[in-house]
Amino acid sequence: MASAYVLINCELGSEESVISQLKALDSVKEVHGTFGAYDILAKVVSDEVSALRETITWKIRKIDKIRSTLTLMGIEGQE
């Protein structure tokens, strides 16, 4: 099982919309609004790293109003 945490910056005032769009994605297991350098934290889980990468690159990063992301990939066996 591959997992990643995606830190997201979005346009001011768009947090709720982005959160609801993230929750609609099957591989997104958790979403939290945050204070600090990033606006949203999302946990993404998939059976394969390639599917995880595809979700982050082609689904999450394409959501309207997302300005930037930082992805932290989990290390299998260190969960």
PDB file of N, CA and C in Angstrom:
ATOM      1  N   MET A   1       0.850  -1.184   0.000  1.00  0.00           N
ATOM      2  CA  MET A   1       0.000   0.000   0.000  1.00  0.00           C
ATOM      3  C   MET A   1       0.889   1.238   0.000  1.00  0.00           C
ATOM      4  N   ALA A   2       0.694   2.118  -0.947  1.00  0.00           N
ATOM      5  CA  ALA A   2       1.455   3.360  -1.047  1.00  0.00           C
ATOM      6  C   ALA A   2       0.622   4.508  -0.489  1.00  0.00           C
ATOM      7  N   SER A   3       1.297   5.408   0.221  1.00  0.00           N
ATOM      8  CA  SER A   3       0.580   6.555   0.774  1.00  0.00           C
ATOM      9  C   SER A   3       1.408   7.820   0.619  1.00  0.00           C
ATOM     10  N   ALA A   4       0.715   8.948   0.599  1.00  0.00           N
ATOM     11  CA  ALA A   4       1.374  10.246   0.486  1.00  0.00           C
ATOM     12  C   ALA A   4       0.521  11.288   1.196  1.00  0.00           C
ATOM     13  N   TYR A   5       1.198  12.287   1.702  1.00  0.00           N
ATOM     14  CA  TYR A   5       0.526  13.452   2.272  1.00  0.00           C
ATOM     15  C   TYR A   5       0.777  14.605   1.320  1.00  0.00           C
ATOM     16  N   VAL A   6      -0.275  15.280   0.926  1.00  0.00           N
ATOM     17  CA  VAL A   6      -0.160  16.389  -0.011  1.00  0.00           C
ATOM     18  C   VAL A   6      -0.522  17.674   0.728  1.00  0.00           C
ATOM     19  N   LEU A   7       0.437  18.591   0.803  1.00  0.00           N
ATOM     20  CA  LEU A   7       0.229  19.907   1.394  1.00  0.00           C
ATOM     21  C   LEU A   7      -0.173  20.836   0.267  1.00  0.00           C
ATOM     22  N   ILE A   8      -1.262  21.563   0.455  1.00  0.00           N
ATOM     23  CA  ILE A   8      -1.866  22.324  -0.645  1.00  0.00           C
ATOM     24  C   ILE A   8      -2.027  23.789  -0.277  1.00  0.00           C
ATOM     25  N   ASN A   9      -1.640  24.650  -1.200  1.00  0.00           N
ATOM     26  CA  ASN A   9      -1.946  26.078  -1.123  1.00  0.00           C
ATOM     27  C   ASN A   9      -3.003  26.361  -2.177  1.00  0.00           C
ATOM     28  N   CYS A  10      -4.048  27.075  -1.768  1.00  0.00           N
ATOM     29  CA  CYS A  10      -5.103  27.407  -2.721  1.00  0.00           C
ATOM     30  C   CYS A  10      -5.420  28.900  -2.638  1.00  0.00           C
ATOM     31  N   GLU A  11      -6.220  29.355  -3.575  1.00  0.00           N
ATOM     32  CA  GLU A  11      -6.594  30.768  -3.604  1.00  0.00           C
ATOM     33  C   GLU A  11      -7.438  31.109  -2.390  1.00  0.00           C
ATOM     34  N   LEU A  12      -7.273  32.318  -1.895  1.00  0.00           N
ATOM     35  CA  LEU A  12      -7.983  32.785  -0.712  1.00  0.00           C
ATOM     36  C   LEU A  12      -9.491  32.636  -0.882  1.00  0.00           C
ATOM     37  N   GLY A  13     -10.134  32.007   0.098  1.00  0.00           N
ATOM     38  CA  GLY A  13     -11.576  31.836   0.066  1.00  0.00           C
ATOM     39  C   GLY A  13     -12.056  30.596  -0.654  1.00  0.00           C
ATOM     40  N   SER A  14     -11.147  29.828  -1.252  1.00  0.00           N
ATOM     41  CA  SER A  14     -11.558  28.647  -2.015  1.00  0.00           C
ATOM     42  C   SER A  14     -11.362  27.345  -1.243  1.00  0.00           C
ATOM     43  N   GLU A  15     -10.979  27.426   0.016  1.00  0.00           N
ATOM     44  CA  GLU A  15     -10.645  26.230   0.788  1.00  0.00           C
ATOM     45  C   GLU A  15     -11.787  25.212   0.846  1.00  0.00           C
ATOM     46  N   GLU A  16     -12.989  25.658   1.157  1.00  0.00           N
ATOM     47  CA  GLU A  16     -14.113  24.729   1.282  1.00  0.00           C
ATOM     48  C   GLU A  16     -14.423  24.025  -0.033  1.00  0.00           C
ATOM     49  N   SER A  17     -14.353  24.747  -1.130  1.00  0.00           N
ATOM     50  CA  SER A  17     -14.599  24.154  -2.443  1.00  0.00           C
ATOM     51  C   SER A  17     -13.538  23.112  -2.782  1.00  0.00           C
ATOM     52  N   VAL A  18     -12.280  23.460  -2.524  1.00  0.00           N
ATOM     53  CA  VAL A  18     -11.184  22.525  -2.813  1.00  0.00           C
ATOM     54  C   VAL A  18     -11.312  21.292  -1.926  1.00  0.00           C
ATOM     55  N   ILE A  19     -11.616  21.473  -0.651  1.00  0.00           N
ATOM     56  CA  ILE A  19     -11.780  20.340   0.268  1.00  0.00           C
ATOM     57  C   ILE A  19     -12.887  19.409  -0.217  1.00  0.00           C
ATOM     58  N   SER A  20     -14.005  19.951  -0.647  1.00  0.00           N
ATOM     59  CA  SER A  20     -15.099  19.082  -1.108  1.00  0.00           C
ATOM     60  C   SER A  20     -14.711  18.323  -2.378  1.00  0.00           C
ATOM     61  N   GLN A  21     -13.946  18.941  -3.260  1.00  0.00           N
ATOM     62  CA  GLN A  21     -13.490  18.254  -4.471  1.00  0.00           C
ATOM     63  C   GLN A  21     -12.485  17.153  -4.139  1.00  0.00           C
ATOM     64  N   LEU A  22     -11.620  17.408  -3.161  1.00  0.00           N
ATOM     65  CA  LEU A  22     -10.665  16.388  -2.736  1.00  0.00           C
ATOM     66  C   LEU A  22     -11.387  15.190  -2.126  1.00  0.00           C
ATOM     67  N   LYS A  23     -12.394  15.445  -1.298  1.00  0.00           N
ATOM     68  CA  LYS A  23     -13.146  14.365  -0.648  1.00  0.00           C
ATOM     69  C   LYS A  23     -13.875  13.488  -1.662  1.00  0.00           C
ATOM     70  N   ALA A  24     -14.159  14.007  -2.832  1.00  0.00           N
ATOM     71  CA  ALA A  24     -14.855  13.246  -3.874  1.00  0.00           C
ATOM     72  C   ALA A  24     -13.937  12.245  -4.581  1.00  0.00           C
ATOM     73  N   LEU A  25     -12.625  12.363  -4.400  1.00  0.00           N
ATOM     74  CA  LEU A  25     -11.680  11.446  -5.039  1.00  0.00           C
ATOM     75  C   LEU A  25     -11.546  10.180  -4.190  1.00  0.00           C
ATOM     76  N   ASP A  26     -11.666   9.022  -4.823  1.00  0.00           N
ATOM     77  CA  ASP A  26     -11.640   7.737  -4.106  1.00  0.00           C
ATOM     78  C   ASP A  26     -10.362   7.507  -3.312  1.00  0.00           C
ATOM     79  N   SER A  27      -9.221   7.871  -3.856  1.00  0.00           N
ATOM     80  CA  SER A  27      -7.951   7.569  -3.192  1.00  0.00           C
ATOM     81  C   SER A  27      -7.587   8.574  -2.096  1.00  0.00           C
ATOM     82  N   VAL A  28      -8.342   9.658  -1.974  1.00  0.00           N
ATOM     83  CA  VAL A  28      -8.103  10.621  -0.893  1.00  0.00           C
ATOM     84  C   VAL A  28      -8.859  10.123   0.336  1.00  0.00           C
ATOM     85  N   LYS A  29      -8.102   9.753   1.368  1.00  0.00           N
ATOM     86  CA  LYS A  29      -8.690   9.135   2.561  1.00  0.00           C
ATOM     87  C   LYS A  29      -8.939  10.124   3.690  1.00  0.00           C
ATOM     88  N   GLU A  30      -8.177  11.215   3.748  1.00  0.00           N
ATOM     89  CA  GLU A  30      -8.359  12.235   4.779  1.00  0.00           C
ATOM     90  C   GLU A  30      -8.081  13.602   4.171  1.00  0.00           C
ATOM     91  N   VAL A  31      -8.830  14.594   4.638  1.00  0.00           N
ATOM     92  CA  VAL A  31      -8.600  15.983   4.222  1.00  0.00           C
ATOM     93  C   VAL A  31      -8.800  16.866   5.446  1.00  0.00           C
ATOM     94  N   HIS A  32      -7.852  17.781   5.671  1.00  0.00           N
ATOM     95  CA  HIS A  32      -7.934  18.685   6.813  1.00  0.00           C
ATOM     96  C   HIS A  32      -7.558  20.098   6.378  1.00  0.00           C
ATOM     97  N   GLY A  33      -8.361  21.073   6.752  1.00  0.00           N
ATOM     98  CA  GLY A  33      -7.963  22.461   6.606  1.00  0.00           C
ATOM     99  C   GLY A  33      -6.915  22.750   7.677  1.00  0.00           C
ATOM    100  N   THR A  34      -5.926  23.570   7.372  1.00  0.00           N
ATOM    101  CA  THR A  34      -4.842  23.839   8.317  1.00  0.00           C
ATOM    102  C   THR A  34      -4.548  25.330   8.418  1.00  0.00           C
ATOM    103  N   PHE A  35      -3.899  25.694   9.517  1.00  0.00           N
ATOM    104  CA  PHE A  35      -3.336  27.030   9.686  1.00  0.00           C
ATOM    105  C   PHE A  35      -1.841  26.918   9.430  1.00  0.00           C
ATOM    106  N   GLY A  36      -1.224  27.968   8.939  1.00  0.00           N
ATOM    107  CA  GLY A  36       0.219  27.941   8.733  1.00  0.00           C
ATOM    108  C   GLY A  36       0.578  28.158   7.281  1.00  0.00           C
ATOM    109  N   ALA A  37       1.679  27.560   6.885  1.00  0.00           N
ATOM    110  CA  ALA A  37       2.221  27.777   5.542  1.00  0.00           C
ATOM    111  C   ALA A  37       1.349  27.165   4.445  1.00  0.00           C
ATOM    112  N   TYR A  38       0.562  26.146   4.785  1.00  0.00           N
ATOM    113  CA  TYR A  38      -0.299  25.492   3.808  1.00  0.00           C
ATOM    114  C   TYR A  38      -1.746  25.585   4.261  1.00  0.00           C
ATOM    115  N   ASP A  39      -2.664  25.511   3.296  1.00  0.00           N
ATOM    116  CA  ASP A  39      -4.088  25.663   3.577  1.00  0.00           C
ATOM    117  C   ASP A  39      -4.801  24.341   3.860  1.00  0.00           C
ATOM    118  N   ILE A  40      -4.340  23.275   3.198  1.00  0.00           N
ATOM    119  CA  ILE A  40      -5.025  21.984   3.273  1.00  0.00           C
ATOM    120  C   ILE A  40      -3.995  20.864   3.311  1.00  0.00           C
ATOM    121  N   LEU A  41      -4.307  19.813   4.082  1.00  0.00           N
ATOM    122  CA  LEU A  41      -3.508  18.594   4.128  1.00  0.00           C
ATOM    123  C   LEU A  41      -4.400  17.448   3.675  1.00  0.00           C
ATOM    124  N   ALA A  42      -3.936  16.683   2.697  1.00  0.00           N
ATOM    125  CA  ALA A  42      -4.702  15.540   2.202  1.00  0.00           C
ATOM    126  C   ALA A  42      -3.851  14.284   2.274  1.00  0.00           C
ATOM    127  N   LYS A  43      -4.448  13.182   2.742  1.00  0.00           N
ATOM    128  CA  LYS A  43      -3.769  11.885   2.742  1.00  0.00           C
ATOM    129  C   LYS A  43      -4.320  11.085   1.575  1.00  0.00           C
ATOM    130  N   VAL A  44      -3.407  10.607   0.735  1.00  0.00           N
ATOM    131  CA  VAL A  44      -3.775   9.855  -0.464  1.00  0.00           C
ATOM    132  C   VAL A  44      -3.205   8.449  -0.331  1.00  0.00           C
ATOM    133  N   VAL A  45      -4.030   7.437  -0.601  1.00  0.00           N
ATOM    134  CA  VAL A  45      -3.605   6.041  -0.473  1.00  0.00           C
ATOM    135  C   VAL A  45      -3.974   5.290  -1.737  1.00  0.00           C
ATOM    136  N   SER A  46      -3.061   4.409  -2.173  1.00  0.00           N
ATOM    137  CA  SER A  46      -3.322   3.594  -3.361  1.00  0.00           C
ATOM    138  C   SER A  46      -2.552   2.284  -3.250  1.00  0.00           C
ATOM    139  N   ASP A  47      -2.950   1.298  -4.023  1.00  0.00           N
ATOM    140  CA  ASP A  47      -2.255   0.005  -4.020  1.00  0.00           C
ATOM    141  C   ASP A  47      -0.876   0.106  -4.661  1.00  0.00           C
ATOM    142  N   GLU A  48      -0.713   1.002  -5.611  1.00  0.00           N
ATOM    143  CA  GLU A  48       0.551   1.122  -6.335  1.00  0.00           C
ATOM    144  C   GLU A  48       1.026   2.571  -6.358  1.00  0.00           C
ATOM    145  N   VAL A  49       2.342   2.742  -6.333  1.00  0.00           N
ATOM    146  CA  VAL A  49       2.931   4.079  -6.357  1.00  0.00           C
ATOM    147  C   VAL A  49       2.570   4.805  -7.649  1.00  0.00           C
ATOM    148  N   SER A  50       2.503   4.087  -8.754  1.00  0.00           N
ATOM    149  CA  SER A  50       2.179   4.728 -10.035  1.00  0.00           C
ATOM    150  C   SER A  50       0.763   5.306 -10.016  1.00  0.00           C
ATOM    151  N   ALA A  51      -0.179   4.599  -9.417  1.00  0.00           N
ATOM    152  CA  ALA A  51      -1.552   5.103  -9.309  1.00  0.00           C
ATOM    153  C   ALA A  51      -1.613   6.307  -8.378  1.00  0.00           C
ATOM    154  N   LEU A  52      -0.807   6.268  -7.334  1.00  0.00           N
ATOM    155  CA  LEU A  52      -0.723   7.387  -6.393  1.00  0.00           C
ATOM    156  C   LEU A  52      -0.210   8.641  -7.104  1.00  0.00           C
ATOM    157  N   ARG A  53       0.855   8.468  -7.855  1.00  0.00           N
ATOM    158  CA  ARG A  53       1.438   9.575  -8.625  1.00  0.00           C
ATOM    159  C   ARG A  53       0.442  10.143  -9.628  1.00  0.00           C
ATOM    160  N   GLU A  54      -0.287   9.263 -10.278  1.00  0.00           N
ATOM    161  CA  GLU A  54      -1.278   9.689 -11.268  1.00  0.00           C
ATOM    162  C   GLU A  54      -2.389  10.503 -10.608  1.00  0.00           C
ATOM    163  N   THR A  55      -2.858  10.066  -9.465  1.00  0.00           N
ATOM    164  CA  THR A  55      -3.906  10.796  -8.743  1.00  0.00           C
ATOM    165  C   THR A  55      -3.426  12.192  -8.363  1.00  0.00           C
ATOM    166  N   ILE A  56      -2.222  12.278  -7.834  1.00  0.00           N
ATOM    167  CA  ILE A  56      -1.696  13.575  -7.404  1.00  0.00           C
ATOM    168  C   ILE A  56      -1.472  14.489  -8.595  1.00  0.00           C
ATOM    169  N   THR A  57      -0.844  13.972  -9.642  1.00  0.00           N
ATOM    170  CA  THR A  57      -0.496  14.795 -10.801  1.00  0.00           C
ATOM    171  C   THR A  57      -1.695  15.182 -11.650  1.00  0.00           C
ATOM    172  N   TRP A  58      -2.575  14.216 -11.947  1.00  0.00           N
ATOM    173  CA  TRP A  58      -3.637  14.462 -12.918  1.00  0.00           C
ATOM    174  C   TRP A  58      -5.000  14.747 -12.323  1.00  0.00           C
ATOM    175  N   LYS A  59      -5.174  14.513 -11.030  1.00  0.00           N
ATOM    176  CA  LYS A  59      -6.466  14.814 -10.416  1.00  0.00           C
ATOM    177  C   LYS A  59      -6.350  15.942  -9.395  1.00  0.00           C
ATOM    178  N   ILE A  60      -5.495  15.764  -8.398  1.00  0.00           N
ATOM    179  CA  ILE A  60      -5.392  16.780  -7.347  1.00  0.00           C
ATOM    180  C   ILE A  60      -4.822  18.087  -7.887  1.00  0.00           C
ATOM    181  N   ARG A  61      -3.702  18.027  -8.574  1.00  0.00           N
ATOM    182  CA  ARG A  61      -3.046  19.256  -9.039  1.00  0.00           C
ATOM    183  C   ARG A  61      -3.836  19.985 -10.120  1.00  0.00           C
ATOM    184  N   LYS A  62      -4.824  19.331 -10.710  1.00  0.00           N
ATOM    185  CA  LYS A  62      -5.656  19.953 -11.740  1.00  0.00           C
ATOM    186  C   LYS A  62      -6.917  20.602 -11.177  1.00  0.00           C
ATOM    187  N   ILE A  63      -7.153  20.466  -9.865  1.00  0.00           N
ATOM    188  CA  ILE A  63      -8.332  21.083  -9.262  1.00  0.00           C
ATOM    189  C   ILE A  63      -8.205  22.601  -9.354  1.00  0.00           C
ATOM    190  N   ASP A  64      -9.260  23.230  -9.839  1.00  0.00           N
ATOM    191  CA  ASP A  64      -9.284  24.682  -9.987  1.00  0.00           C
ATOM    192  C   ASP A  64      -9.085  25.344  -8.626  1.00  0.00           C
ATOM    193  N   LYS A  65      -8.355  26.406  -8.584  1.00  0.00           N
ATOM    194  CA  LYS A  65      -8.058  27.225  -7.399  1.00  0.00           C
ATOM    195  C   LYS A  65      -6.873  26.716  -6.571  1.00  0.00           C
ATOM    196  N   ILE A  66      -6.307  25.545  -6.918  1.00  0.00           N
ATOM    197  CA  ILE A  66      -5.087  25.103  -6.234  1.00  0.00           C
ATOM    198  C   ILE A  66      -3.909  25.823  -6.880  1.00  0.00           C
ATOM    199  N   ARG A  67      -3.117  26.498  -6.046  1.00  0.00           N
ATOM    200  CA  ARG A  67      -1.953  27.240  -6.537  1.00  0.00           C
ATOM    201  C   ARG A  67      -0.693  26.389  -6.560  1.00  0.00           C
ATOM    202  N   SER A  68      -0.465  25.602  -5.489  1.00  0.00           N
ATOM    203  CA  SER A  68       0.743  24.780  -5.421  1.00  0.00           C
ATOM    204  C   SER A  68       0.527  23.618  -4.461  1.00  0.00           C
ATOM    205  N   THR A  69       1.382  22.597  -4.623  1.00  0.00           N
ATOM    206  CA  THR A  69       1.334  21.438  -3.739  1.00  0.00           C
ATOM    207  C   THR A  69       2.750  21.025  -3.358  1.00  0.00           C
ATOM    208  N   LEU A  70       2.855  20.354  -2.232  1.00  0.00           N
ATOM    209  CA  LEU A  70       4.100  19.723  -1.803  1.00  0.00           C
ATOM    210  C   LEU A  70       3.711  18.318  -1.360  1.00  0.00           C
ATOM    211  N   THR A  71       4.339  17.307  -1.958  1.00  0.00           N
ATOM    212  CA  THR A  71       3.970  15.925  -1.671  1.00  0.00           C
ATOM    213  C   THR A  71       5.050  15.252  -0.836  1.00  0.00           C
ATOM    214  N   LEU A  72       4.603  14.585   0.236  1.00  0.00           N
ATOM    215  CA  LEU A  72       5.477  13.799   1.093  1.00  0.00           C
ATOM    216  C   LEU A  72       5.070  12.337   0.926  1.00  0.00           C
ATOM    217  N   MET A  73       5.934  11.537   0.291  1.00  0.00           N
ATOM    218  CA  MET A  73       5.632  10.121   0.064  1.00  0.00           C
ATOM    219  C   MET A  73       5.986   9.318   1.301  1.00  0.00           C
ATOM    220  N   GLY A  74       5.075   8.417   1.687  1.00  0.00           N
ATOM    221  CA  GLY A  74       5.353   7.540   2.814  1.00  0.00           C
ATOM    222  C   GLY A  74       6.335   6.447   2.421  1.00  0.00           C
ATOM    223  N   ILE A  75       7.087   5.950   3.395  1.00  0.00           N
ATOM    224  CA  ILE A  75       8.016   4.847   3.174  1.00  0.00           C
ATOM    225  C   ILE A  75       7.328   3.571   3.642  1.00  0.00           C
ATOM    226  N   GLU A  76       7.161   2.625   2.718  1.00  0.00           N
ATOM    227  CA  GLU A  76       6.501   1.382   3.071  1.00  0.00           C
ATOM    228  C   GLU A  76       7.298   0.653   4.144  1.00  0.00           C
ATOM    229  N   GLY A  77       6.598   0.117   5.133  1.00  0.00           N
ATOM    230  CA  GLY A  77       7.247  -0.589   6.221  1.00  0.00           C
ATOM    231  C   GLY A  77       7.588   0.295   7.403  1.00  0.00           C
ATOM    232  N   GLN A  78       7.425   1.601   7.249  1.00  0.00           N
ATOM    233  CA  GLN A  78       7.695   2.538   8.353  1.00  0.00           C
ATOM    234  C   GLN A  78       6.416   3.276   8.719  1.00  0.00           C
ATOM    235  N   GLU A  79       5.319   2.531   8.785  1.00  0.00           N
ATOM    236  CA  GLU A  79       4.032   3.130   9.091  1.00  0.00           C
ATOM    237  C   GLU A  79       3.723   2.986  10.556  1.00  0.00           C
TER     238      GLU A  79
END
